[in-house]
Structures are given as structure tokens and as C-alpha cells.
Amino acid sequence: MKKIFVTGAGGYIGVPLCESLLKAGHRVIAFDRFFFGREVLGAIEPQDNFIVITGDIRDVEALLNPRDR
């Protein structure tokens, strides 16, 4: 099992990618600004090996200091 960080996890490719990775048994950290809401994740969100972080990849300071948010 690998830990995989997926940027754009709420997007057209990100959601099925996260689903596939979870089915393969990996731990997934999903990162997205969720412009259209977290509902796009559907049934995959409530899993122990799936962590969802809301943020914008363009905000470098927030990425470097996640505890400050």
C-alpha cells in the first residue's frame, strides 16, 4: 500500500483516479479547492484510507504551512 497525493481530486479525472487508487488498496490524500463542492466525491469520501484537504495549489504558503490554516 502506498500513500498517494492527488491534486485536482475533485475534477473530471481526479475523482475516478481517487476511486481507482482506493480500490487498489492505496491511501489517498485528495487535494482540491472543490469549486463545485465536495459532493463530487460521492461515496468514496467516508473511508479510513482517504483524506480530503480543501485548498488551492496556487497558494504556496498555505501548502508549506498547513497548520496555519
PDB file of N, CA and C in Angstrom:
ATOM      1  N   MET A   1       0.847  -1.177   0.000  1.00  0.00           N
ATOM      2  CA  MET A   1       0.000   0.000   0.000  1.00  0.00           C
ATOM      3  C   MET A   1       0.891   1.238   0.000  1.00  0.00           C
ATOM      4  N   LYS A   2       0.599   2.151  -0.918  1.00  0.00           N
ATOM      5  CA  LYS A   2       1.331   3.402  -0.999  1.00  0.00           C
ATOM      6  C   LYS A   2       0.420   4.543  -0.576  1.00  0.00           C
ATOM      7  N   LYS A   3       1.035   5.625  -0.134  1.00  0.00           N
ATOM      8  CA  LYS A   3       0.301   6.850   0.162  1.00  0.00           C
ATOM      9  C   LYS A   3       0.466   7.754  -1.051  1.00  0.00           C
ATOM     10  N   ILE A   4      -0.654   8.171  -1.654  1.00  0.00           N
ATOM     11  CA  ILE A   4      -0.617   8.937  -2.890  1.00  0.00           C
ATOM     12  C   ILE A   4      -1.361  10.251  -2.715  1.00  0.00           C
ATOM     13  N   PHE A   5      -0.714  11.357  -3.106  1.00  0.00           N
ATOM     14  CA  PHE A   5      -1.280  12.700  -3.014  1.00  0.00           C
ATOM     15  C   PHE A   5      -1.824  13.071  -4.393  1.00  0.00           C
ATOM     16  N   VAL A   6      -3.129  13.340  -4.470  1.00  0.00           N
ATOM     17  CA  VAL A   6      -3.768  13.657  -5.749  1.00  0.00           C
ATOM     18  C   VAL A   6      -4.219  15.109  -5.736  1.00  0.00           C
ATOM     19  N   THR A   7      -3.606  15.925  -6.599  1.00  0.00           N
ATOM     20  CA  THR A   7      -4.067  17.302  -6.759  1.00  0.00           C
ATOM     21  C   THR A   7      -5.156  17.309  -7.819  1.00  0.00           C
ATOM     22  N   GLY A   8      -6.138  18.189  -7.642  1.00  0.00           N
ATOM     23  CA  GLY A   8      -7.269  18.214  -8.574  1.00  0.00           C
ATOM     24  C   GLY A   8      -8.185  17.033  -8.352  1.00  0.00           C
ATOM     25  N   ALA A   9      -8.263  16.559  -7.123  1.00  0.00           N
ATOM     26  CA  ALA A   9      -9.016  15.353  -6.799  1.00  0.00           C
ATOM     27  C   ALA A   9     -10.519  15.489  -7.032  1.00  0.00           C
ATOM     28  N   GLY A  10     -11.026  16.715  -7.089  1.00  0.00           N
ATOM     29  CA  GLY A  10     -12.454  16.915  -7.320  1.00  0.00           C
ATOM     30  C   GLY A  10     -12.795  17.148  -8.770  1.00  0.00           C
ATOM     31  N   GLY A  11     -11.827  16.938  -9.656  1.00  0.00           N
ATOM     32  CA  GLY A  11     -12.021  17.208 -11.066  1.00  0.00           C
ATOM     33  C   GLY A  11     -12.458  15.992 -11.863  1.00  0.00           C
ATOM     34  N   TYR A  12     -12.577  16.220 -13.162  1.00  0.00           N
ATOM     35  CA  TYR A  12     -13.059  15.212 -14.109  1.00  0.00           C
ATOM     36  C   TYR A  12     -12.199  13.956 -14.099  1.00  0.00           C
ATOM     37  N   ILE A  13     -10.909  14.118 -13.981  1.00  0.00           N
ATOM     38  CA  ILE A  13     -10.003  12.969 -13.928  1.00  0.00           C
ATOM     39  C   ILE A  13      -9.710  12.573 -12.488  1.00  0.00           C
ATOM     40  N   GLY A  14      -9.683  13.558 -11.587  1.00  0.00           N
ATOM     41  CA  GLY A  14      -9.313  13.298 -10.203  1.00  0.00           C
ATOM     42  C   GLY A  14     -10.225  12.353  -9.454  1.00  0.00           C
ATOM     43  N   VAL A  15     -11.532  12.494  -9.645  1.00  0.00           N
ATOM     44  CA  VAL A  15     -12.478  11.642  -8.911  1.00  0.00           C
ATOM     45  C   VAL A  15     -12.313  10.173  -9.297  1.00  0.00           C
ATOM     46  N   PRO A  16     -12.365   9.818 -10.598  1.00  0.00           N
ATOM     47  CA  PRO A  16     -12.164   8.398 -10.919  1.00  0.00           C
ATOM     48  C   PRO A  16     -10.766   7.888 -10.583  1.00  0.00           C
ATOM     49  N   LEU A  17      -9.765   8.780 -10.632  1.00  0.00           N
ATOM     50  CA  LEU A  17      -8.416   8.380 -10.245  1.00  0.00           C
ATOM     51  C   LEU A  17      -8.391   7.987  -8.769  1.00  0.00           C
ATOM     52  N   CYS A  18      -8.993   8.820  -7.920  1.00  0.00           N
ATOM     53  CA  CYS A  18      -9.051   8.507  -6.488  1.00  0.00           C
ATOM     54  C   CYS A  18      -9.790   7.197  -6.248  1.00  0.00           C
ATOM     55  N   GLU A  19     -10.893   6.998  -6.954  1.00  0.00           N
ATOM     56  CA  GLU A  19     -11.654   5.749  -6.814  1.00  0.00           C
ATOM     57  C   GLU A  19     -10.790   4.545  -7.160  1.00  0.00           C
ATOM     58  N   SER A  20     -10.071   4.625  -8.258  1.00  0.00           N
ATOM     59  CA  SER A  20      -9.225   3.512  -8.689  1.00  0.00           C
ATOM     60  C   SER A  20      -8.096   3.236  -7.702  1.00  0.00           C
ATOM     61  N   LEU A  21      -7.488   4.294  -7.205  1.00  0.00           N
ATOM     62  CA  LEU A  21      -6.399   4.125  -6.238  1.00  0.00           C
ATOM     63  C   LEU A  21      -6.897   3.494  -4.945  1.00  0.00           C
ATOM     64  N   LEU A  22      -8.071   3.926  -4.489  1.00  0.00           N
ATOM     65  CA  LEU A  22      -8.639   3.344  -3.271  1.00  0.00           C
ATOM     66  C   LEU A  22      -8.984   1.873  -3.472  1.00  0.00           C
ATOM     67  N   LYS A  23      -9.549   1.537  -4.622  1.00  0.00           N
ATOM     68  CA  LYS A  23      -9.879   0.135  -4.913  1.00  0.00           C
ATOM     69  C   LYS A  23      -8.639  -0.735  -4.978  1.00  0.00           C
ATOM     70  N   ALA A  24      -7.518  -0.121  -5.379  1.00  0.00           N
ATOM     71  CA  ALA A  24      -6.250  -0.857  -5.447  1.00  0.00           C
ATOM     72  C   ALA A  24      -5.595  -1.000  -4.078  1.00  0.00           C
ATOM     73  N   GLY A  25      -6.207  -0.389  -3.048  1.00  0.00           N
ATOM     74  CA  GLY A  25      -5.711  -0.542  -1.688  1.00  0.00           C
ATOM     75  C   GLY A  25      -4.750   0.533  -1.204  1.00  0.00           C
ATOM     76  N   HIS A  26      -4.637   1.620  -1.933  1.00  0.00           N
ATOM     77  CA  HIS A  26      -3.719   2.689  -1.542  1.00  0.00           C
ATOM     78  C   HIS A  26      -4.391   3.677  -0.593  1.00  0.00           C
ATOM     79  N   ARG A  27      -3.557   4.377   0.180  1.00  0.00           N
ATOM     80  CA  ARG A  27      -4.034   5.513   0.985  1.00  0.00           C
ATOM     81  C   ARG A  27      -3.985   6.720   0.069  1.00  0.00           C
ATOM     82  N   VAL A  28      -5.050   7.517   0.046  1.00  0.00           N
ATOM     83  CA  VAL A  28      -5.135   8.648  -0.872  1.00  0.00           C
ATOM     84  C   VAL A  28      -5.369   9.936  -0.095  1.00  0.00           C
ATOM     85  N   ILE A  29      -4.559  10.938  -0.414  1.00  0.00           N
ATOM     86  CA  ILE A  29      -4.769  12.284   0.115  1.00  0.00           C
ATOM     87  C   ILE A  29      -5.258  13.115  -1.065  1.00  0.00           C
ATOM     88  N   ALA A  30      -6.503  13.551  -0.982  1.00  0.00           N
ATOM     89  CA  ALA A  30      -7.135  14.301  -2.066  1.00  0.00           C
ATOM     90  C   ALA A  30      -7.036  15.790  -1.777  1.00  0.00           C
ATOM     91  N   PHE A  31      -6.522  16.543  -2.742  1.00  0.00           N
ATOM     92  CA  PHE A  31      -6.346  17.978  -2.569  1.00  0.00           C
ATOM     93  C   PHE A  31      -7.035  18.695  -3.722  1.00  0.00           C
ATOM     94  N   ASP A  32      -7.909  19.625  -3.401  1.00  0.00           N
ATOM     95  CA  ASP A  32      -8.627  20.386  -4.419  1.00  0.00           C
ATOM     96  C   ASP A  32      -9.267  21.588  -3.747  1.00  0.00           C
ATOM     97  N   ARG A  33      -9.625  22.581  -4.538  1.00  0.00           N
ATOM     98  CA  ARG A  33     -10.348  23.714  -3.960  1.00  0.00           C
ATOM     99  C   ARG A  33     -11.848  23.452  -3.944  1.00  0.00           C
ATOM    100  N   PHE A  34     -12.271  22.373  -4.585  1.00  0.00           N
ATOM    101  CA  PHE A  34     -13.669  21.933  -4.606  1.00  0.00           C
ATOM    102  C   PHE A  34     -14.612  23.074  -4.965  1.00  0.00           C
ATOM    103  N   PHE A  35     -14.318  23.698  -6.098  1.00  0.00           N
ATOM    104  CA  PHE A  35     -15.120  24.810  -6.615  1.00  0.00           C
ATOM    105  C   PHE A  35     -16.584  24.398  -6.792  1.00  0.00           C
ATOM    106  N   PHE A  36     -16.812  23.165  -7.188  1.00  0.00           N
ATOM    107  CA  PHE A  36     -18.175  22.670  -7.394  1.00  0.00           C
ATOM    108  C   PHE A  36     -18.708  21.892  -6.186  1.00  0.00           C
ATOM    109  N   GLY A  37     -17.992  21.928  -5.077  1.00  0.00           N
ATOM    110  CA  GLY A  37     -18.425  21.263  -3.850  1.00  0.00           C
ATOM    111  C   GLY A  37     -17.797  19.892  -3.679  1.00  0.00           C
ATOM    112  N   ARG A  38     -17.775  19.428  -2.440  1.00  0.00           N
ATOM    113  CA  ARG A  38     -17.189  18.117  -2.126  1.00  0.00           C
ATOM    114  C   ARG A  38     -18.112  16.974  -2.495  1.00  0.00           C
ATOM    115  N   GLU A  39     -19.338  17.307  -2.888  1.00  0.00           N
ATOM    116  CA  GLU A  39     -20.303  16.270  -3.259  1.00  0.00           C
ATOM    117  C   GLU A  39     -19.813  15.438  -4.445  1.00  0.00           C
ATOM    118  N   VAL A  40     -18.899  16.011  -5.244  1.00  0.00           N
ATOM    119  CA  VAL A  40     -18.387  15.285  -6.407  1.00  0.00           C
ATOM    120  C   VAL A  40     -17.667  14.001  -6.005  1.00  0.00           C
ATOM    121  N   LEU A  41     -17.220  13.934  -4.767  1.00  0.00           N
ATOM    122  CA  LEU A  41     -16.520  12.739  -4.293  1.00  0.00           C
ATOM    123  C   LEU A  41     -17.479  11.591  -4.007  1.00  0.00           C
ATOM    124  N   GLY A  42     -18.751  11.920  -3.831  1.00  0.00           N
ATOM    125  CA  GLY A  42     -19.769  10.885  -3.637  1.00  0.00           C
ATOM    126  C   GLY A  42     -19.476   9.948  -2.490  1.00  0.00           C
ATOM    127  N   ALA A  43     -19.597   8.677  -2.776  1.00  0.00           N
ATOM    128  CA  ALA A  43     -19.482   7.648  -1.744  1.00  0.00           C
ATOM    129  C   ALA A  43     -18.045   7.321  -1.362  1.00  0.00           C
ATOM    130  N   ILE A  44     -17.062   7.863  -2.085  1.00  0.00           N
ATOM    131  CA  ILE A  44     -15.681   7.490  -1.743  1.00  0.00           C
ATOM    132  C   ILE A  44     -15.141   8.260  -0.554  1.00  0.00           C
ATOM    133  N   GLU A  45     -15.772   9.376  -0.187  1.00  0.00           N
ATOM    134  CA  GLU A  45     -15.207  10.212   0.884  1.00  0.00           C
ATOM    135  C   GLU A  45     -15.169   9.538   2.252  1.00  0.00           C
ATOM    136  N   PRO A  46     -16.214   8.876   2.697  1.00  0.00           N
ATOM    137  CA  PRO A  46     -16.138   8.340   4.074  1.00  0.00           C
ATOM    138  C   PRO A  46     -15.359   7.026   4.176  1.00  0.00           C
ATOM    139  N   GLN A  47     -14.067   7.082   3.925  1.00  0.00           N
ATOM    140  CA  GLN A  47     -13.218   5.899   4.047  1.00  0.00           C
ATOM    141  C   GLN A  47     -12.018   6.235   4.917  1.00  0.00           C
ATOM    142  N   ASP A  48     -11.553   5.255   5.665  1.00  0.00           N
ATOM    143  CA  ASP A  48     -10.423   5.470   6.575  1.00  0.00           C
ATOM    144  C   ASP A  48      -9.129   5.802   5.836  1.00  0.00           C
ATOM    145  N   ASN A  49      -8.945   5.255   4.649  1.00  0.00           N
ATOM    146  CA  ASN A  49      -7.695   5.474   3.922  1.00  0.00           C
ATOM    147  C   ASN A  49      -7.814   6.606   2.895  1.00  0.00           C
ATOM    148  N   PHE A  50      -8.763   7.524   3.121  1.00  0.00           N
ATOM    149  CA  PHE A  50      -8.999   8.636   2.209  1.00  0.00           C
ATOM    150  C   PHE A  50      -9.079   9.930   3.006  1.00  0.00           C
ATOM    151  N   ILE A  51      -8.126  10.828   2.767  1.00  0.00           N
ATOM    152  CA  ILE A  51      -8.070  12.114   3.463  1.00  0.00           C
ATOM    153  C   ILE A  51      -8.345  13.212   2.441  1.00  0.00           C
ATOM    154  N   VAL A  52      -9.234  14.132   2.783  1.00  0.00           N
ATOM    155  CA  VAL A  52      -9.596  15.217   1.876  1.00  0.00           C
ATOM    156  C   VAL A  52      -9.114  16.540   2.464  1.00  0.00           C
ATOM    157  N   ILE A  53      -8.368  17.298   1.659  1.00  0.00           N
ATOM    158  CA  ILE A  53      -7.870  18.602   2.059  1.00  0.00           C
ATOM    159  C   ILE A  53      -8.378  19.628   1.050  1.00  0.00           C
ATOM    160  N   THR A  54      -9.041  20.661   1.560  1.00  0.00           N
ATOM    161  CA  THR A  54      -9.524  21.725   0.691  1.00  0.00           C
ATOM    162  C   THR A  54      -8.487  22.832   0.645  1.00  0.00           C
ATOM    163  N   GLY A  55      -8.045  23.161  -0.558  1.00  0.00           N
ATOM    164  CA  GLY A  55      -7.058  24.209  -0.729  1.00  0.00           C
ATOM    165  C   GLY A  55      -6.784  24.451  -2.195  1.00  0.00           C
ATOM    166  N   ASP A  56      -6.038  25.490  -2.461  1.00  0.00           N
ATOM    167  CA  ASP A  56      -5.704  25.864  -3.829  1.00  0.00           C
ATOM    168  C   ASP A  56      -4.214  25.644  -4.046  1.00  0.00           C
ATOM    169  N   ILE A  57      -3.863  24.859  -5.031  1.00  0.00           N
ATOM    170  CA  ILE A  57      -2.468  24.514  -5.293  1.00  0.00           C
ATOM    171  C   ILE A  57      -1.633  25.748  -5.602  1.00  0.00           C
ATOM    172  N   ARG A  58      -2.289  26.832  -6.015  1.00  0.00           N
ATOM    173  CA  ARG A  58      -1.560  28.071  -6.318  1.00  0.00           C
ATOM    174  C   ARG A  58      -1.170  28.837  -5.063  1.00  0.00           C
ATOM    175  N   ASP A  59      -1.714  28.467  -3.901  1.00  0.00           N
ATOM    176  CA  ASP A  59      -1.418  29.132  -2.639  1.00  0.00           C
ATOM    177  C   ASP A  59      -0.243  28.420  -1.967  1.00  0.00           C
ATOM    178  N   VAL A  60       0.956  28.741  -2.397  1.00  0.00           N
ATOM    179  CA  VAL A  60       2.159  28.040  -1.961  1.00  0.00           C
ATOM    180  C   VAL A  60       2.382  28.166  -0.459  1.00  0.00           C
ATOM    181  N   GLU A  61       2.148  29.320   0.119  1.00  0.00           N
ATOM    182  CA  GLU A  61       2.374  29.493   1.554  1.00  0.00           C
ATOM    183  C   GLU A  61       1.484  28.560   2.373  1.00  0.00           C
ATOM    184  N   ALA A  62       0.240  28.406   1.979  1.00  0.00           N
ATOM    185  CA  ALA A  62      -0.662  27.514   2.703  1.00  0.00           C
ATOM    186  C   ALA A  62      -0.202  26.067   2.583  1.00  0.00           C
ATOM    187  N   LEU A  63       0.357  25.710   1.451  1.00  0.00           N
ATOM    188  CA  LEU A  63       0.862  24.356   1.268  1.00  0.00           C
ATOM    189  C   LEU A  63       2.069  24.084   2.147  1.00  0.00           C
ATOM    190  N   LEU A  64       2.907  25.082   2.303  1.00  0.00           N
ATOM    191  CA  LEU A  64       4.108  24.913   3.120  1.00  0.00           C
ATOM    192  C   LEU A  64       3.814  24.960   4.610  1.00  0.00           C
ATOM    193  N   ASN A  65       2.727  25.621   5.007  1.00  0.00           N
ATOM    194  CA  ASN A  65       2.357  25.764   6.410  1.00  0.00           C
ATOM    195  C   ASN A  65       0.907  25.346   6.637  1.00  0.00           C
ATOM    196  N   PRO A  66       0.574  24.053   6.443  1.00  0.00           N
ATOM    197  CA  PRO A  66      -0.820  23.624   6.560  1.00  0.00           C
ATOM    198  C   PRO A  66      -1.413  23.796   7.951  1.00  0.00           C
ATOM    199  N   ARG A  67      -0.577  23.851   8.968  1.00  0.00           N
ATOM    200  CA  ARG A  67      -1.104  24.009  10.339  1.00  0.00           C
ATOM    201  C   ARG A  67      -1.578  25.428  10.617  1.00  0.00           C
ATOM    202  N   ASP A  68      -1.170  26.364   9.776  1.00  0.00           N
ATOM    203  CA  ASP A  68      -1.579  27.759   9.959  1.00  0.00           C
ATOM    204  C   ASP A  68      -2.992  28.041   9.460  1.00  0.00           C
ATOM    205  N   ARG A  69      -3.615  27.064   8.815  1.00  0.00           N
ATOM    206  CA  ARG A  69      -4.938  27.279   8.231  1.00  0.00           C
ATOM    207  C   ARG A  69      -6.032  26.963   9.187  1.00  0.00           C
TER     208      ARG A  69
END
